[in-house]
Amino acid sequence: MEIVYLLIPVAIILVAFATWAFFYSVNSGQFDDLESPAHRILYDDDEDMIPEDARVKKASSSHSSEK
């Protein structure tokens, strides 16, 4: 019976962590677009054939090598 006193708080902590992880991923845009990655793999070699809404925005390198 003493193990229940340990398992209940551990279960509550795990549920709280899972809830936090879910809301963090939703707020960071993890679930915004579920279809484009599946379609993008079909056009992997044909960059000009990828629809505009399915293209991945490439980060421009603004790092300058000044010494």
Protein backbone atom coordinates (compact mmCIF):
# COMPACT_ATOMS: atom_id res chain seq x y z
CA MET A 1 0.00 0.00 0.00
CA GLU A 2 2.95 2.33 0.61
CA ILE A 3 3.90 2.19 -3.08
CA VAL A 4 0.65 3.98 -3.95
CA TYR A 5 1.93 7.04 -2.07
CA LEU A 6 4.88 7.08 -4.44
CA LEU A 7 3.13 6.12 -7.68
CA ILE A 8 0.36 8.72 -7.52
CA PRO A 9 2.72 11.74 -7.38
CA VAL A 10 4.93 10.19 -10.07
CA ALA A 11 1.89 9.68 -12.30
CA ILE A 12 0.76 13.27 -11.73
CA ILE A 13 4.23 14.55 -12.62
CA LEU A 14 4.29 12.45 -15.81
CA VAL A 15 0.84 13.69 -16.87
CA ALA A 16 1.90 17.29 -16.18
CA PHE A 17 5.05 16.82 -18.27
CA ALA A 18 3.11 15.24 -21.15
CA THR A 19 0.58 18.09 -21.06
CA TRP A 20 3.37 20.68 -21.08
CA ALA A 21 5.12 18.93 -23.98
CA PHE A 22 1.90 18.84 -25.99
CA PHE A 23 1.09 22.52 -25.48
CA TYR A 24 4.71 23.50 -26.14
CA SER A 25 4.69 21.67 -29.48
CA VAL A 26 1.35 23.21 -30.46
CA ASN A 27 2.54 26.72 -29.58
CA SER A 28 5.82 26.26 -31.46
CA GLY A 29 3.99 25.37 -34.67
CA GLN A 30 4.69 21.65 -34.73
CA PHE A 31 1.17 20.83 -35.91
CA ASP A 32 0.53 23.81 -38.21
CA ASP A 33 1.05 22.04 -41.52
CA LEU A 34 0.62 18.29 -41.60
CA GLU A 35 0.28 17.79 -45.36
CA SER A 36 3.18 19.65 -46.98
CA PRO A 37 5.97 17.41 -45.65
CA ALA A 38 4.19 14.37 -47.09
CA HIS A 39 3.83 16.03 -50.49
CA ARG A 40 7.30 17.60 -50.44
CA ILE A 41 9.03 14.21 -50.51
CA LEU A 42 7.40 13.47 -53.86
CA TYR A 43 9.09 16.53 -55.37
CA ASP A 44 12.45 16.09 -53.69
CA ASP A 45 14.55 16.32 -56.87
CA ASP A 46 12.35 18.83 -58.68
CA GLU A 47 12.72 22.08 -56.76
CA ASP A 48 10.90 24.13 -59.39
CA MET A 49 7.88 21.78 -59.34
CA ILE A 50 7.19 22.19 -55.61
CA PRO A 51 4.10 24.33 -55.02
CA GLU A 52 4.78 27.65 -53.30
CA ASP A 53 2.84 26.71 -50.17
CA ALA A 54 4.79 23.46 -49.74
CA ARG A 55 8.29 24.93 -50.09
CA VAL A 56 10.63 25.05 -47.15
CA LYS A 57 11.95 28.52 -46.50
CA LYS A 58 15.73 28.34 -46.56
CA ALA A 59 17.45 30.51 -44.01
CA SER A 60 19.72 33.06 -45.60
CA SER A 61 23.17 33.04 -44.14
CA SER A 62 23.78 36.52 -42.81
CA HIS A 63 26.97 35.53 -41.03
CA SER A 64 29.90 37.58 -42.09
CA SER A 65 33.39 36.40 -41.49
CA GLU A 66 35.04 39.52 -40.16
CA LYS A 67 38.27 39.28 -38.22
